Every structure is written in structure tokens, then in C-alpha cells.
Amino acid sequence: MLALFHAFSTKCNQIQRAIKLGDDELVASLDRELEPLIAAILAYKATSLLEIYMQLQFMNNLIREEADDRSRVMHNSVSLSVLIDRYFGGANQVAGEVLRAFASEKTSLDNELGFEEGSVLNDVILDSLPDRVAVVTRDYRYLYSNAANSEFLKSKSMELVGRHISEFVGSDYFESSVKAKLDACFAGEKVECLYPSYRQVEPGKVLHCTMTPLRAKTEVIGALLVMHEIIAVPTGMLVA
């Protein structure tokens, strides 16, 4: 499934470049190529809780991105209903497990971001946060990105899904530093660390990152990343 997401993300990036070049014909041609990819993502039969989450999150992002086009919203809403019927129809065991996974994620977010217990977190709330928030899969690819993180990376949320973190921090830095921290998180550890910010908003600041395991039942299926730049550097926290 990640290959489909990556193909979709690549196509979106190509469209953005064509728009900047003012090539309307190329934009239209590339746009037509998106529909088969979307259809393939929807047709894919998920084999794990993570893949179900990815499909639902994909459709949720698609509806948000095309919110100004009523006909597209209606079309995408029908597609979302198809997915819900596929996995949640009859309230089978898989549906219950997915819902529990969503509940676990919300609890982690509540604790991480300081919301009161029981508050409902959704994309609107996450997008209003000044902190950068992202969900990364166990193969180090973006599954979700809030507005602040997407803006920082100069990409739309849809364009980030399926893309490897090393594309943004560099393969050498990823292998020498970031990967080990994520692996510790995937092993069940909550990780807090500071990194030299590779693209500082303000000079002299460093990036504070908290990585929280994202679980479905007892299995860690990804990592919740919350990031923001700070001035103070606690001794021993800075990662080389």
C-alpha cells in the first residue's frame, strides 16, 4: 500500500511543479492520472490495522484538500462510506480493534499535547496547534502530518503520506541519528530529544522532538511525533 501512497505523493509533487511552470496542459494530464491511483488505493484490501487506518486517513485528507469542490466532497464521502462498510460492516472484530486503535491514539495525543482527559481531538484541532505533529509508520514513512508540519516541510498533507523521513532530513543524518531514536520508540519507549534544526525558523534554536509509541492493542504500529523549536538546551539531550 505504501507504494501506492508514494506514487500518489510523487504525482502530486509533479502537479505542483507543473502549476509553478504555468503548464496547464501538463497539469490537466497529470491530474487525470491521479484518479486511477486513488481508485487503486480504495480498492486495496487492507491486511492490518495500520493499513485500514492509512486508507481512512487518506480519504479524510482528500476530503479536506478538496473541500471547496462540492461534487468532489460528495464523491469522496461516498468512497469513505465504502471503506467504512468494508471494514466496519456488521461491527465485526476488526472494526472493534480499529476503533480501539483510534482511541489509543487519541489518548496518546491527549497526554502529549496537554488536553484534558476525554477531549475529542480531530484534524481541525491538530491543524490549529502551533506545534508540528506527525505520525510515522514503522518503516519510517509519514502517515499523517498536521498543518504546521506540512507548512514547515513545504508540502500538503496528502503529498507527505508514504514519503520517507530521510527525504527531508537527509539519508546520512537519518541513519546516524534519527533512525535509532525512532527504533527505540517502536520498541515501546517514549523518546524525548533535541536535534539541530535543519531548517530553522529562528536562528540559534534547536528542535525539540517527542516520540510516543502509537499502539493497536499491545502492538506498536507507529510513532507520534510532536516537534517545536526552543532556545534552551538541557544538558545531555542534544543529539549530535
Protein backbone atom coordinates (compact mmCIF):
# COMPACT_ATOMS: atom_id res chain seq x y z
CA MET A 1 0.00 0.00 0.00
CA LEU A 2 2.84 2.41 0.77
CA ALA A 3 3.97 2.08 -2.85
CA LEU A 4 0.55 3.39 -3.92
CA PHE A 5 0.77 6.28 -1.47
CA HIS A 6 4.26 7.13 -2.67
CA ALA A 7 3.11 7.09 -6.30
CA PHE A 8 0.23 9.41 -5.39
CA SER A 9 2.57 11.74 -3.49
CA THR A 10 5.01 11.82 -6.43
CA LYS A 11 2.21 12.67 -8.83
CA CYS A 12 1.02 15.50 -6.57
CA ASN A 13 4.54 16.93 -6.49
CA GLN A 14 4.71 16.78 -10.28
CA ILE A 15 1.41 18.66 -10.49
CA GLN A 16 2.70 21.37 -8.16
CA ARG A 17 5.81 21.81 -10.30
CA ALA A 18 3.67 22.00 -13.46
CA ILE A 19 1.48 24.64 -11.82
CA LYS A 20 4.53 26.74 -10.96
CA LEU A 21 5.67 26.45 -14.57
CA GLY A 22 2.25 27.56 -15.78
CA ASP A 23 1.87 24.44 -17.95
CA ASP A 24 -1.92 23.97 -17.86
CA GLU A 25 -1.87 21.11 -20.34
CA LEU A 26 0.59 19.13 -18.24
CA VAL A 27 -1.39 19.89 -15.08
CA ALA A 28 -4.56 18.52 -16.68
CA SER A 29 -2.72 15.43 -17.92
CA LEU A 30 -1.18 14.68 -14.53
CA ASP A 31 -4.46 15.37 -12.76
CA ARG A 32 -6.17 12.69 -14.86
CA GLU A 33 -3.51 10.23 -13.72
CA LEU A 34 -4.47 10.77 -10.07
CA GLU A 35 -7.89 9.12 -10.38
CA PRO A 36 -6.54 5.62 -11.17
CA LEU A 37 -4.17 5.90 -8.20
CA ILE A 38 -7.00 6.95 -5.88
CA ALA A 39 -9.12 4.07 -7.21
CA ALA A 40 -6.26 1.63 -6.60
CA ILE A 41 -5.81 2.86 -3.02
CA LEU A 42 -9.53 2.46 -2.34
CA ALA A 43 -9.64 -0.99 -3.97
CA TYR A 44 -6.73 -2.25 -1.90
CA LYS A 45 -7.89 -4.78 0.72
CA ALA A 46 -6.11 -3.91 3.95
CA THR A 47 -4.46 -6.79 5.78
CA SER A 48 -3.62 -4.99 9.03
CA LEU A 49 -4.97 -2.35 11.39
CA LEU A 50 -2.32 0.09 10.18
CA GLU A 51 -3.38 -0.28 6.55
CA ILE A 52 -7.02 0.29 7.49
CA TYR A 53 -6.01 3.43 9.35
CA MET A 54 -3.96 4.60 6.39
CA GLN A 55 -6.86 4.21 3.97
CA LEU A 56 -9.27 6.07 6.24
CA GLN A 57 -6.75 8.85 6.90
CA PHE A 58 -6.08 9.14 3.16
CA MET A 59 -9.76 9.68 2.40
CA ASN A 60 -10.09 12.11 5.30
CA ASN A 61 -7.19 14.18 3.94
CA LEU A 62 -8.61 14.02 0.41
CA ILE A 63 -11.96 15.38 1.58
CA ARG A 64 -10.20 18.24 3.40
CA GLU A 65 -7.99 19.12 0.43
CA GLU A 66 -10.98 19.28 -1.94
CA ALA A 67 -13.39 20.95 0.49
CA ASP A 68 -14.12 23.81 -1.94
CA ASP A 69 -15.42 21.43 -4.62
CA ARG A 70 -18.85 20.21 -3.53
CA SER A 71 -19.06 17.48 -6.17
CA ARG A 72 -15.65 16.10 -5.17
CA VAL A 73 -16.58 16.17 -1.50
CA MET A 74 -19.72 14.17 -2.22
CA HIS A 75 -17.78 11.70 -4.37
CA ASN A 76 -15.07 11.25 -1.74
CA SER A 77 -17.66 10.90 1.02
CA VAL A 78 -19.22 8.00 -0.88
CA SER A 79 -15.78 6.41 -1.16
CA LEU A 80 -15.23 6.86 2.56
CA SER A 81 -18.58 5.17 3.22
CA VAL A 82 -17.46 2.23 1.10
CA LEU A 83 -14.36 1.82 3.24
CA ILE A 84 -16.36 2.07 6.45
CA ASP A 85 -18.81 -0.56 5.21
CA ARG A 86 -15.94 -2.81 4.13
CA TYR A 87 -14.20 -2.82 7.49
CA PHE A 88 -16.87 -1.82 9.99
CA GLY A 89 -19.93 -3.50 8.48
CA GLY A 90 -21.55 -5.81 11.00
CA ALA A 91 -19.40 -4.42 13.81
CA ASN A 92 -17.02 -7.33 13.46
CA GLN A 93 -13.88 -7.90 15.49
CA VAL A 94 -11.64 -5.96 13.10
CA ALA A 95 -13.86 -2.89 13.43
CA GLY A 96 -13.64 -3.05 17.20
CA GLU A 97 -9.86 -3.34 17.07
CA VAL A 98 -9.55 -0.37 14.73
CA LEU A 99 -11.76 1.77 16.95
CA ARG A 100 -9.65 0.81 19.95
CA ALA A 101 -6.54 1.77 17.98
CA PHE A 102 -8.07 5.18 17.25
CA ALA A 103 -8.93 5.55 20.94
CA SER A 104 -5.33 4.69 21.89
CA GLU A 105 -4.03 7.33 19.51
CA LYS A 106 -6.36 9.98 20.90
CA THR A 107 -5.27 9.12 24.44
CA SER A 108 -1.62 9.49 23.48
CA LEU A 109 -2.36 12.82 21.86
CA ASP A 110 -4.32 13.99 24.90
CA ASN A 111 -1.41 13.17 27.19
CA GLU A 112 1.23 14.54 24.86
CA LEU A 113 -0.41 17.83 23.99
CA GLY A 114 -1.84 18.61 27.40
CA PHE A 115 -5.56 18.33 26.66
CA GLU A 116 -7.94 17.32 29.38
CA GLU A 117 -8.93 13.68 29.55
CA GLY A 118 -11.88 12.89 27.33
CA SER A 119 -11.42 15.81 24.95
CA VAL A 120 -12.04 14.95 21.32
CA LEU A 121 -9.05 15.50 19.03
CA ASN A 122 -9.55 15.75 15.31
CA ASP A 123 -7.82 17.27 12.31
CA VAL A 124 -9.31 20.70 12.98
CA ILE A 125 -7.76 20.77 16.44
CA LEU A 126 -4.45 19.31 15.31
CA ASP A 127 -4.22 21.80 12.45
CA SER A 128 -4.77 24.69 14.87
CA LEU A 129 -1.77 23.70 17.01
CA PRO A 130 1.44 25.70 16.63
CA ASP A 131 3.48 22.52 17.26
CA ARG A 132 4.32 20.23 14.38
CA VAL A 133 2.54 16.88 14.72
CA ALA A 134 3.10 13.79 12.60
CA VAL A 135 2.52 10.04 12.64
CA VAL A 136 5.30 7.86 11.23
CA THR A 137 4.97 4.18 10.32
CA ARG A 138 7.45 1.51 11.35
CA ASP A 139 9.22 1.79 8.01
CA TYR A 140 9.90 5.49 8.70
CA ARG A 141 7.30 6.95 6.35
CA TYR A 142 4.76 9.69 7.02
CA LEU A 143 1.20 8.53 7.65
CA TYR A 144 -0.18 11.84 8.94
CA SER A 145 1.01 15.44 9.12
CA ASN A 146 -0.81 18.39 10.65
CA ALA A 147 -0.89 21.82 9.02
CA ALA A 148 2.13 23.19 10.92
CA ASN A 149 4.34 20.27 9.95
CA SER A 150 3.15 20.31 6.34
CA GLU A 151 3.83 24.03 6.05
CA PHE A 152 7.29 23.60 7.56
CA LEU A 153 8.08 20.88 5.02
CA LYS A 154 6.56 22.98 2.21
CA SER A 155 4.16 20.20 1.24
CA LYS A 156 0.47 19.42 1.53
CA SER A 157 -0.55 16.72 4.00
CA MET A 158 -1.61 14.48 1.12
CA GLU A 159 1.78 14.84 -0.54
CA LEU A 160 3.62 13.63 2.58
CA VAL A 161 1.79 10.32 3.04
CA GLY A 162 4.11 7.45 2.20
CA ARG A 163 7.26 9.58 1.90
CA HIS A 164 10.35 8.54 3.86
CA ILE A 165 11.66 10.84 6.59
CA SER A 166 15.15 10.69 5.08
CA GLU A 167 13.85 12.73 2.13
CA PHE A 168 13.58 15.70 4.48
CA VAL A 169 16.46 15.27 6.94
CA GLY A 170 18.96 13.65 4.57
CA SER A 171 19.89 9.97 4.38
CA ASP A 172 23.19 10.34 6.29
CA TYR A 173 21.62 12.23 9.19
CA PHE A 174 18.70 9.82 9.26
CA GLU A 175 20.98 6.78 9.51
CA SER A 176 23.36 8.32 12.03
CA SER A 177 20.81 9.85 14.39
CA VAL A 178 17.07 9.84 13.70
CA LYS A 179 16.66 6.13 12.94
CA ALA A 180 17.96 4.97 16.33
CA LYS A 181 15.51 7.22 18.18
CA LEU A 182 12.57 6.00 16.11
CA ASP A 183 13.63 2.38 16.62
CA ALA A 184 13.62 2.95 20.38
CA CYS A 185 10.11 4.39 20.08
CA PHE A 186 8.95 1.42 18.01
CA ALA A 187 10.34 -0.80 20.75
CA GLY A 188 7.87 0.84 23.15
CA GLU A 189 9.93 3.67 24.63
CA LYS A 190 8.76 7.28 24.80
CA VAL A 191 11.68 9.30 23.48
CA GLU A 192 12.50 12.96 24.06
CA CYS A 193 15.45 14.56 22.34
CA LEU A 194 16.82 17.71 20.76
CA TYR A 195 18.15 17.99 17.25
CA PRO A 196 19.94 20.79 15.44
CA SER A 197 17.10 22.18 13.33
CA TYR A 198 17.92 21.52 9.68
CA ARG A 199 15.73 24.45 8.63
CA GLN A 200 15.46 26.93 11.49
CA VAL A 201 12.51 29.26 11.78
CA GLU A 202 14.63 31.47 14.01
CA PRO A 203 18.47 31.44 14.22
CA GLY A 204 20.02 29.78 17.25
CA LYS A 205 17.11 27.47 18.05
CA VAL A 206 17.05 23.69 18.17
CA LEU A 207 14.27 21.21 17.50
CA HIS A 208 12.64 19.52 20.49
CA CYS A 209 11.03 16.25 19.46
CA THR A 210 8.88 13.89 21.49
CA MET A 211 8.26 10.43 20.03
CA THR A 212 5.39 8.44 21.55
CA PRO A 213 4.61 4.82 20.58
CA LEU A 214 1.29 4.51 18.71
CA ARG A 215 -0.31 1.21 19.65
CA ALA A 216 -3.08 -1.05 18.38
CA LYS A 217 -3.78 -3.33 21.34
CA THR A 218 -0.26 -4.21 22.53
CA GLU A 219 1.43 -3.85 19.14
CA VAL A 220 3.32 -0.67 18.31
CA ILE A 221 2.23 0.29 14.80
CA GLY A 222 3.97 3.65 14.52
CA ALA A 223 5.23 6.74 16.31
CA LEU A 224 3.52 10.00 17.18
CA LEU A 225 5.96 12.89 16.72
CA VAL A 226 5.43 16.31 18.31
CA MET A 227 8.04 18.91 17.37
CA HIS A 228 8.78 22.56 18.07
CA GLU A 229 11.83 24.82 18.18
CA ILE A 230 13.23 26.02 21.51
CA ILE A 231 16.18 28.09 22.74
CA ALA A 232 17.13 26.31 25.98
CA VAL A 233 19.19 23.14 25.57
CA PRO A 234 19.11 20.80 28.60
CA THR A 235 22.50 19.15 29.19
CA GLY A 236 22.81 15.76 27.53
CA MET A 237 19.69 15.98 25.42
CA LEU A 238 21.16 17.35 22.22
CA VAL A 239 21.68 14.64 19.63
CA ALA A 240 24.79 15.00 17.50
